[in-house]
Protein backbone atom coordinates (compact mmCIF):
# COMPACT_ATOMS: atom_id res chain seq x y z
CA MET A 1 -4.47 -130.58 -109.72
CA GLU A 2 -2.55 -129.90 -106.57
CA LEU A 3 -2.98 -125.64 -106.21
CA LEU A 4 -1.19 -125.54 -102.76
CA ASP A 5 3.15 -126.64 -102.38
CA LYS A 6 5.34 -126.67 -99.72
CA GLU A 7 7.03 -123.19 -101.40
CA ASN A 8 3.35 -121.13 -100.50
CA ILE A 9 3.43 -122.20 -96.84
CA GLN A 10 4.77 -119.71 -94.13
CA LEU A 11 5.38 -119.93 -90.74
CA SER A 12 5.31 -116.29 -89.12
CA SER A 13 6.45 -115.60 -85.30
CA GLN A 14 5.86 -111.97 -86.17
CA LYS A 15 3.39 -109.23 -84.56
CA MET A 16 1.38 -107.84 -87.33
CA SER A 17 -2.08 -106.62 -88.32
CA TRP A 18 -4.87 -108.58 -90.52
CA GLU A 19 -3.60 -105.90 -93.51
CA GLU A 20 -0.31 -107.12 -92.92
CA ALA A 21 -1.17 -110.80 -92.42
CA ILE A 22 -3.13 -110.63 -95.74
CA ARG A 23 -0.54 -109.51 -97.45
CA LEU A 24 2.14 -111.66 -95.98
CA THR A 25 0.00 -114.84 -96.78
CA ALA A 26 -0.33 -113.87 -100.80
CA GLN A 27 3.24 -113.01 -101.42
CA PRO A 28 4.18 -116.53 -102.82
CA LEU A 29 1.82 -115.96 -105.32
CA LEU A 30 3.22 -112.37 -106.26
CA THR A 31 6.63 -113.73 -106.20
CA LYS A 32 5.35 -116.46 -108.61
CA GLY A 33 3.67 -114.35 -110.55
CA LYS A 34 0.02 -115.99 -109.84
CA ILE A 35 -1.66 -112.68 -108.91
CA LYS A 36 -1.18 -108.98 -109.33
CA GLU A 37 -0.69 -106.71 -106.49
CA SER A 38 -4.21 -105.60 -107.16
CA TYR A 39 -5.74 -108.71 -105.82
CA ILE A 40 -3.86 -108.58 -102.57
CA GLN A 41 -5.38 -104.89 -102.17
CA ALA A 42 -9.11 -106.45 -103.45
CA MET A 43 -8.96 -109.02 -100.72
CA ILE A 44 -8.40 -106.48 -98.18
CA ASP A 45 -11.00 -104.06 -99.26
CA LYS A 46 -13.53 -106.81 -99.50
CA VAL A 47 -12.90 -107.19 -95.78
CA LYS A 48 -13.23 -103.47 -94.91
CA GLU A 49 -16.38 -103.39 -97.29
CA TYR A 50 -18.44 -106.11 -96.18
CA GLY A 51 -17.14 -107.23 -92.69
CA PRO A 52 -15.15 -110.11 -91.21
CA PHE A 53 -16.69 -112.86 -93.75
CA ILE A 54 -13.69 -114.31 -94.17
CA ASN A 55 -13.18 -116.06 -90.73
CA ILE A 56 -15.17 -118.98 -91.83
CA GLY A 57 -13.78 -121.21 -88.86
CA GLU A 58 -12.19 -120.66 -85.45
CA TYR A 59 -9.05 -118.68 -85.55
CA LEU A 60 -9.26 -119.48 -89.72
CA ALA A 61 -9.46 -117.19 -92.57
CA LEU A 62 -9.86 -117.24 -96.34
CA PRO A 63 -8.90 -114.53 -98.10
CA HIS A 64 -10.08 -113.90 -101.61
CA ALA A 65 -11.24 -111.67 -104.45
CA ARG A 66 -12.66 -111.68 -107.66
CA PRO A 67 -10.36 -113.44 -110.61
CA GLU A 68 -10.82 -110.30 -112.28
CA GLU A 69 -9.45 -108.59 -109.36
CA GLY A 70 -5.89 -109.79 -110.53
CA VAL A 71 -5.51 -113.59 -110.57
CA ILE A 72 -3.62 -114.49 -113.43
CA GLU A 73 -2.97 -117.84 -112.55
CA THR A 74 -4.65 -120.40 -109.79
CA GLY A 75 -3.21 -120.65 -106.79
CA ILE A 76 -3.26 -121.39 -103.07
CA SER A 77 -0.81 -119.63 -100.36
CA PHE A 78 -0.45 -120.39 -96.53
CA LEU A 79 0.19 -118.77 -93.36
CA LYS A 80 0.19 -119.64 -90.06
CA LEU A 81 1.01 -116.79 -87.60
CA LYS A 82 2.44 -117.45 -83.81
CA TYR A 83 0.35 -114.38 -82.34
CA PRO A 84 -3.46 -114.24 -83.51
CA VAL A 85 -4.74 -111.14 -85.65
CA ASN A 86 -8.07 -109.57 -84.93
CA LEU A 87 -9.71 -108.97 -88.78
CA LEU A 88 -10.76 -105.42 -88.31
CA ASP A 89 -9.05 -104.88 -84.73
CA ASP A 90 -12.65 -106.94 -83.53
CA PRO A 91 -11.45 -109.48 -81.06
CA ASN A 92 -14.63 -111.27 -81.87
CA HIS A 93 -12.61 -112.48 -85.22
CA PRO A 94 -9.08 -113.44 -83.84
CA VAL A 95 -7.28 -115.23 -86.78
CA SER A 96 -3.66 -117.85 -86.62
CA ILE A 97 -4.35 -119.61 -89.97
CA PHE A 98 -4.54 -117.50 -93.36
CA ILE A 99 -5.73 -119.27 -96.68
CA CYS A 100 -5.41 -117.21 -99.33
CA LEU A 101 -7.15 -118.26 -102.67
CA ALA A 102 -6.85 -117.00 -106.29
CA ALA A 103 -8.49 -118.83 -108.68
CA SER A 104 -8.49 -117.89 -112.14
CA ASP A 105 -12.38 -119.36 -113.00
CA SER A 106 -15.53 -119.81 -110.72
CA SER A 107 -14.85 -123.05 -111.47
CA GLN A 108 -11.75 -123.82 -110.28
CA HIS A 109 -12.57 -121.88 -107.01
CA LEU A 110 -15.38 -124.40 -106.28
CA GLU A 111 -13.30 -127.11 -106.65
CA ALA A 112 -10.43 -125.60 -104.10
CA LEU A 113 -13.12 -125.00 -101.90
CA MET A 114 -14.89 -128.21 -101.41
CA LYS A 115 -11.21 -129.57 -101.22
CA LEU A 116 -10.20 -126.88 -98.27
CA THR A 117 -13.82 -127.46 -96.53
CA LYS A 118 -13.70 -131.56 -96.58
CA ILE A 119 -10.07 -131.07 -94.61
CA LEU A 120 -11.04 -128.55 -92.66
CA SER A 121 -14.52 -129.40 -91.26
CA LYS A 122 -12.27 -131.75 -89.43
CA LYS A 123 -11.96 -130.67 -86.22
CA GLU A 124 -9.05 -132.39 -85.89
CA ASN A 125 -7.31 -131.27 -88.72
CA LEU A 126 -7.84 -127.52 -87.91
CA GLN A 127 -6.63 -128.73 -84.14
CA VAL A 128 -3.00 -129.88 -85.75
CA LEU A 129 -2.90 -126.75 -88.15
CA LEU A 130 -3.25 -124.68 -84.83
CA GLN A 131 -0.66 -126.18 -83.23
CA SER A 132 1.80 -126.92 -85.70
CA SER A 133 5.07 -125.27 -86.26
CA ASN A 134 6.42 -127.66 -88.93
CA ILE A 135 5.86 -126.94 -92.58
CA GLU A 136 5.85 -130.57 -93.43
CA GLU A 137 3.10 -131.54 -91.25
CA ILE A 138 1.15 -128.79 -92.19
CA SER A 139 1.95 -129.91 -96.00
CA SER A 140 0.69 -133.51 -95.29
CA LEU A 141 -2.16 -132.25 -94.02
CA LEU A 142 -3.17 -130.06 -97.04
CA GLU A 143 -2.18 -132.73 -99.79
CA GLY A 144 -4.17 -133.11 -102.30
CA VAL A 145 -5.77 -129.02 -102.02
């Protein structure tokens, strides 16, 4: 099952806060009816409560929350920022790439995480994503997620 389509990939050259970045990342999923507004707020609240745990690699964050916090249908969205944001305004956690994961159950959550991990664990793939300003290039690298 392909969860990330091109319409869910965004590039932004706007300066914004980390909270605005999470909201913007999730917007395609909200627009398509895959999540409720409550899911976006839950992702932000989790970072405030548990710290920058979503910072899973160099300049990379994976905001997510529990399915019952507003997931209607499984989906993934992607945001690449020209200007990194600092999670919780902490300069030790700069993020340029946000990948929002909304899974309707734990098996889909794990499957999507495994696919993303396989792609993102290769340093050269992460570098391509960090340097890319092209939705086509990002889409082809993340194909199959």
